[in-house]
N, C-alpha and C. Protein backbone atom coordinates (compact mmCIF):
# COMPACT_ATOMS: atom_id res chain seq x y z
N MET A 1 99.28 100.89 88.48
CA MET A 1 100.13 100.18 89.20
C MET A 1 101.72 100.16 88.89
N GLU A 2 101.36 100.35 87.12
CA GLU A 2 102.94 99.80 86.55
C GLU A 2 103.51 101.92 86.86
N GLU A 3 102.57 102.37 87.06
CA GLU A 3 103.20 103.64 86.99
C GLU A 3 104.06 104.32 88.37
N MET A 4 103.12 103.19 89.60
CA MET A 4 104.06 103.64 90.75
C MET A 4 104.82 102.76 91.16
N ARG A 5 104.98 102.03 90.09
CA ARG A 5 105.97 100.98 90.66
C ARG A 5 107.59 101.12 90.77
N PRO A 6 108.19 102.09 90.34
CA PRO A 6 109.71 102.86 90.77
C PRO A 6 109.09 103.10 91.91
N ALA A 7 108.01 104.05 92.70
CA ALA A 7 107.83 104.34 94.04
C ALA A 7 107.89 103.40 95.14
N ILE A 8 107.23 102.28 94.69
CA ILE A 8 106.90 101.45 95.62
C ILE A 8 108.00 100.41 95.91
N THR A 9 108.90 100.48 94.81
CA THR A 9 110.15 99.67 94.63
C THR A 9 110.95 100.58 95.95
N HIS A 10 111.12 101.91 95.93
CA HIS A 10 111.85 102.60 96.40
C HIS A 10 111.70 102.58 97.59
N HIS A 11 110.44 102.88 98.00
CA HIS A 11 109.56 102.52 99.47
C HIS A 11 110.29 101.28 100.29
N ASN A 12 110.12 100.34 99.20
CA ASN A 12 110.30 99.07 99.93
C ASN A 12 111.56 98.80 100.69
N GLN A 13 112.68 99.51 99.34
CA GLN A 13 113.96 98.97 99.48
C GLN A 13 114.44 100.37 100.69
N LYS A 14 113.88 100.98 100.98
CA LYS A 14 114.20 102.14 102.05
C LYS A 14 113.71 102.13 103.44
N ASN A 15 112.81 100.96 103.36
CA ASN A 15 111.62 100.73 104.57
C ASN A 15 112.18 99.32 105.39
N ARG A 16 112.63 99.24 106.64
CA ARG A 16 113.02 98.10 107.18
C ARG A 16 111.74 96.98 107.47
N HIS A 17 110.98 97.60 107.31
CA HIS A 17 109.76 96.34 107.48
C HIS A 17 108.77 95.78 106.48
N HIS A 18 109.65 95.83 105.24
CA HIS A 18 109.61 94.91 104.26
C HIS A 18 110.46 94.51 103.73
N PRO A 19 110.52 92.85 103.31
CA PRO A 19 111.36 91.88 103.27
C PRO A 19 112.66 92.45 102.24
N GLU A 20 112.14 93.08 101.31
CA GLU A 20 112.99 93.73 100.27
C GLU A 20 114.19 94.64 100.97
N PHE A 21 113.99 95.25 102.02
CA PHE A 21 115.00 96.63 102.60
C PHE A 21 116.16 94.92 103.03
N HIS A 22 116.21 94.17 102.95
CA HIS A 22 116.86 93.36 103.78
C HIS A 22 117.85 92.10 102.49
N GLY A 23 118.78 92.38 103.06
CA GLY A 23 119.50 90.96 101.95
C GLY A 23 119.45 89.81 102.05
N ASP A 24 119.02 89.60 103.22
CA ASP A 24 118.68 88.25 103.22
C ASP A 24 117.08 88.17 103.60
N GLY A 25 116.34 89.19 103.35
CA GLY A 25 114.71 89.07 103.20
C GLY A 25 114.13 88.63 104.72
N ILE A 26 113.41 88.40 104.61
CA ILE A 26 112.48 88.22 106.21
C ILE A 26 113.60 87.39 107.44
N SER A 27 114.30 86.91 106.98
CA SER A 27 115.51 86.96 107.74
C SER A 27 116.16 87.68 108.58
N GLY A 28 116.28 88.55 108.03
CA GLY A 28 117.09 89.66 108.37
C GLY A 28 116.57 90.69 109.16
N MET A 29 115.32 90.47 109.36
CA MET A 29 114.03 91.26 109.89
C MET A 29 114.61 91.09 111.58
N ASN A 30 113.98 92.04 112.17
CA ASN A 30 113.95 92.23 114.02
C ASN A 30 112.29 91.83 113.97
N LEU A 31 112.41 91.82 115.54
CA LEU A 31 111.12 91.35 115.89
C LEU A 31 109.82 92.79 115.78
N ILE A 32 110.54 93.90 115.38
CA ILE A 32 109.67 94.82 115.67
C ILE A 32 109.31 95.47 113.75
N ASP A 33 110.39 94.38 113.17
CA ASP A 33 109.83 94.65 111.73
C ASP A 33 109.01 93.79 111.24
N LEU A 34 108.83 92.87 111.55
CA LEU A 34 107.48 91.59 111.56
C LEU A 34 106.08 92.10 111.84
N ILE A 35 106.59 93.04 113.17
CA ILE A 35 105.10 93.62 113.81
C ILE A 35 104.92 94.60 112.73
N GLU A 36 105.45 95.55 112.05
CA GLU A 36 105.17 96.17 111.43
C GLU A 36 104.85 96.15 110.11
N MET A 37 105.27 94.95 109.60
CA MET A 37 104.94 94.46 108.02
C MET A 37 103.56 93.95 108.34
N MET A 38 103.25 92.92 109.57
CA MET A 38 102.09 92.60 109.65
C MET A 38 101.09 94.05 110.05
N CYS A 39 101.15 94.82 110.41
CA CYS A 39 100.29 95.78 110.38
C CYS A 39 100.13 96.39 108.86
N ASP A 40 101.41 96.63 108.12
CA ASP A 40 101.09 97.20 106.81
C ASP A 40 100.19 95.94 105.98
N TRP A 41 100.32 94.71 105.94
CA TRP A 41 99.73 94.11 105.34
C TRP A 41 97.80 93.65 106.22
N LYS A 42 98.00 94.36 107.10
CA LYS A 42 96.43 94.65 107.33
C LYS A 42 95.88 95.88 106.78
N ALA A 43 96.63 96.34 107.13
CA ALA A 43 96.20 98.14 106.46
C ALA A 43 95.91 97.95 104.84
N ALA A 44 96.77 97.26 104.23
CA ALA A 44 96.44 96.98 102.59
C ALA A 44 95.18 96.51 102.49
N GLY A 45 95.29 95.29 102.88
CA GLY A 45 94.00 94.47 102.66
C GLY A 45 92.62 95.57 103.24
N MET A 46 92.35 96.21 103.84
CA MET A 46 91.44 97.26 104.56
C MET A 46 91.12 98.29 103.17
N ARG A 47 92.24 98.20 102.84
CA ARG A 47 91.96 99.40 101.55
C ARG A 47 91.14 99.21 100.31
N HIS A 48 91.41 97.16 100.49
CA HIS A 48 90.55 96.56 99.13
C HIS A 48 88.78 96.12 99.38
N ALA A 49 88.59 96.07 98.76
CA ALA A 49 87.24 95.45 98.49
C ALA A 49 87.11 93.95 98.90
N ASP A 50 88.28 93.35 98.33
CA ASP A 50 88.36 91.96 98.52
C ASP A 50 89.76 92.03 99.36
N GLY A 51 90.10 92.57 99.94
CA GLY A 51 91.24 92.36 100.39
C GLY A 51 91.10 91.44 101.87
N ASN A 52 92.00 90.43 102.09
CA ASN A 52 92.47 89.33 103.33
C ASN A 52 93.39 89.19 103.88
N LEU A 53 93.97 89.51 104.93
CA LEU A 53 95.07 89.16 105.59
C LEU A 53 95.29 87.99 105.34
N PHE A 54 94.65 87.17 105.58
CA PHE A 54 95.30 85.03 105.65
C PHE A 54 95.48 85.25 104.31
N LYS A 55 94.58 85.59 103.43
CA LYS A 55 95.33 85.06 101.45
C LYS A 55 96.43 85.71 101.49
N SER A 56 96.87 86.95 102.12
CA SER A 56 98.05 87.58 101.72
C SER A 56 99.14 87.06 102.88
N LEU A 57 98.98 86.37 104.03
CA LEU A 57 99.86 85.75 104.51
C LEU A 57 100.58 84.86 103.80
N LEU A 58 98.96 83.82 103.31
CA LEU A 58 99.53 82.48 102.07
C LEU A 58 100.48 82.82 100.84
N VAL A 59 99.89 83.99 100.30
CA VAL A 59 100.77 84.23 99.08
C VAL A 59 102.43 84.60 99.49
N ASN A 60 102.22 85.48 100.13
CA ASN A 60 103.96 85.99 101.22
C ASN A 60 104.68 85.27 101.74
N LYS A 61 103.93 83.98 102.81
CA LYS A 61 104.56 82.70 102.56
C LYS A 61 105.65 82.04 101.56
N GLU A 62 104.74 81.91 100.56
CA GLU A 62 105.56 81.62 99.11
C GLU A 62 106.41 82.62 98.70
N ARG A 63 105.90 83.79 98.51
CA ARG A 63 106.83 84.80 98.01
C ARG A 63 108.24 85.32 98.58
N PHE A 64 108.15 85.23 99.85
CA PHE A 64 109.35 85.72 100.60
C PHE A 64 110.02 84.55 101.44
N GLY A 65 109.39 83.24 101.36
CA GLY A 65 109.94 81.29 101.75
C GLY A 65 109.93 81.83 103.15
N ILE A 66 108.78 82.00 104.01
CA ILE A 66 108.48 82.53 105.46
C ILE A 66 108.43 81.19 105.73
N SER A 67 109.39 80.36 106.61
CA SER A 67 109.06 79.28 107.64
C SER A 67 107.59 78.70 107.87
N ASP A 68 107.44 77.46 108.14
CA ASP A 68 106.37 77.40 108.57
C ASP A 68 106.24 77.59 110.24
N GLN A 69 107.69 77.59 110.71
CA GLN A 69 107.40 78.39 112.33
C GLN A 69 106.92 79.66 112.41
N LEU A 70 107.43 80.14 111.45
CA LEU A 70 107.30 81.75 111.31
C LEU A 70 105.83 81.86 110.81
N TYR A 71 105.34 81.59 110.00
CA TYR A 71 104.02 81.48 109.24
C TYR A 71 102.99 81.42 110.40
N GLU A 72 103.36 80.32 111.20
CA GLU A 72 102.26 79.64 112.45
C GLU A 72 102.06 81.49 112.97
N ILE A 73 103.37 81.67 113.49
CA ILE A 73 103.65 82.63 114.45
C ILE A 73 102.99 83.95 114.16
N LEU A 74 102.96 84.20 112.60
CA LEU A 74 102.32 85.54 112.26
C LEU A 74 100.52 85.14 111.68
N TYR A 75 100.36 84.03 111.33
CA TYR A 75 98.89 83.17 111.50
C TYR A 75 98.47 83.70 112.95
N ASN A 76 99.04 83.64 113.67
CA ASN A 76 98.08 83.64 115.07
C ASN A 76 98.23 85.21 115.24
N THR A 77 99.41 85.80 114.81
CA THR A 77 99.07 87.42 114.75
C THR A 77 98.27 87.62 114.22
N ALA A 78 97.95 87.59 112.81
CA ALA A 78 96.92 87.99 112.33
C ALA A 78 95.48 87.26 112.37
N VAL A 79 95.25 86.33 113.16
CA VAL A 79 93.92 85.98 113.97
C VAL A 79 93.77 86.65 114.98
N TYR A 80 94.67 87.21 115.48
CA TYR A 80 94.55 88.08 116.95
C TYR A 80 94.39 90.05 116.01
N LEU A 81 95.26 90.25 114.90
CA LEU A 81 94.97 91.61 114.53
C LEU A 81 93.24 91.53 113.77
N ASP A 82 92.62 90.14 113.14
CA ASP A 82 91.72 90.17 112.58
C ASP A 82 90.47 90.23 113.62
N GLY A 83 90.60 90.46 115.01
CA GLY A 83 89.47 90.16 115.41
C GLY A 83 89.65 91.27 116.78
N ALA A 84 90.77 91.86 116.89
CA ALA A 84 91.31 93.16 117.63
C ALA A 84 90.39 94.44 116.41
N GLU A 85 89.99 95.28 117.78
CA GLU A 85 89.22 96.95 116.95
C GLU A 85 90.28 97.51 116.62
N VAL A 86 90.82 97.93 115.66
CA VAL A 86 92.13 98.57 115.27
C VAL A 86 91.65 99.59 115.07
N PHE A 87 91.87 101.20 115.93
CA PHE A 87 92.08 102.87 115.23
C PHE A 87 92.46 102.71 113.62
N HIS A 88 92.35 103.19 113.11
CA HIS A 88 93.14 103.31 111.75
C HIS A 88 92.84 104.56 111.11
N LYS A 89 93.22 104.61 109.65
CA LYS A 89 92.84 105.18 108.83
C LYS A 89 93.11 105.09 107.05
N ALA A 90 93.03 103.61 107.26
CA ALA A 90 92.87 102.75 105.80
C ALA A 90 92.62 103.27 105.04
N GLU A 91 91.43 103.80 105.05
CA GLU A 91 90.96 104.82 103.87
C GLU A 91 91.10 105.67 103.59
N GLU A 92 92.15 106.16 104.22
CA GLU A 92 92.49 107.67 103.76
C GLU A 92 93.46 107.07 102.94
N SER A 93 95.06 106.60 103.19
CA SER A 93 95.68 106.42 102.72
C SER A 93 95.74 105.68 101.09
C-alpha cells in the first residue's frame, strides 16, 4: 500500500469525486460528485472480502467531517446500493 500511496494521492487530488480534490472537502462537492463517491466506496468494498459500505460510511463521516444530515442521505443511498442489483466489474479493478 505504501508503494501505491503517491499514485493514490495523485488520483484523489485530480478527480473531483474525492473530497481531497476540493479545498473545502465534502462541502465543495456537487451532487454528481457525491454519487460518484458513493459508487467508488461501494466498488472498493466489493473488492475486499471484509468490505462493507456502511462501515466505510461511518469511517468517512469522521474522516471528512460529514454532517449528520448529509450522512443520513448517504446512508439512505447505501441502503439502496446494498439492495440494488448492480452490474459491475469491481473484481477486475
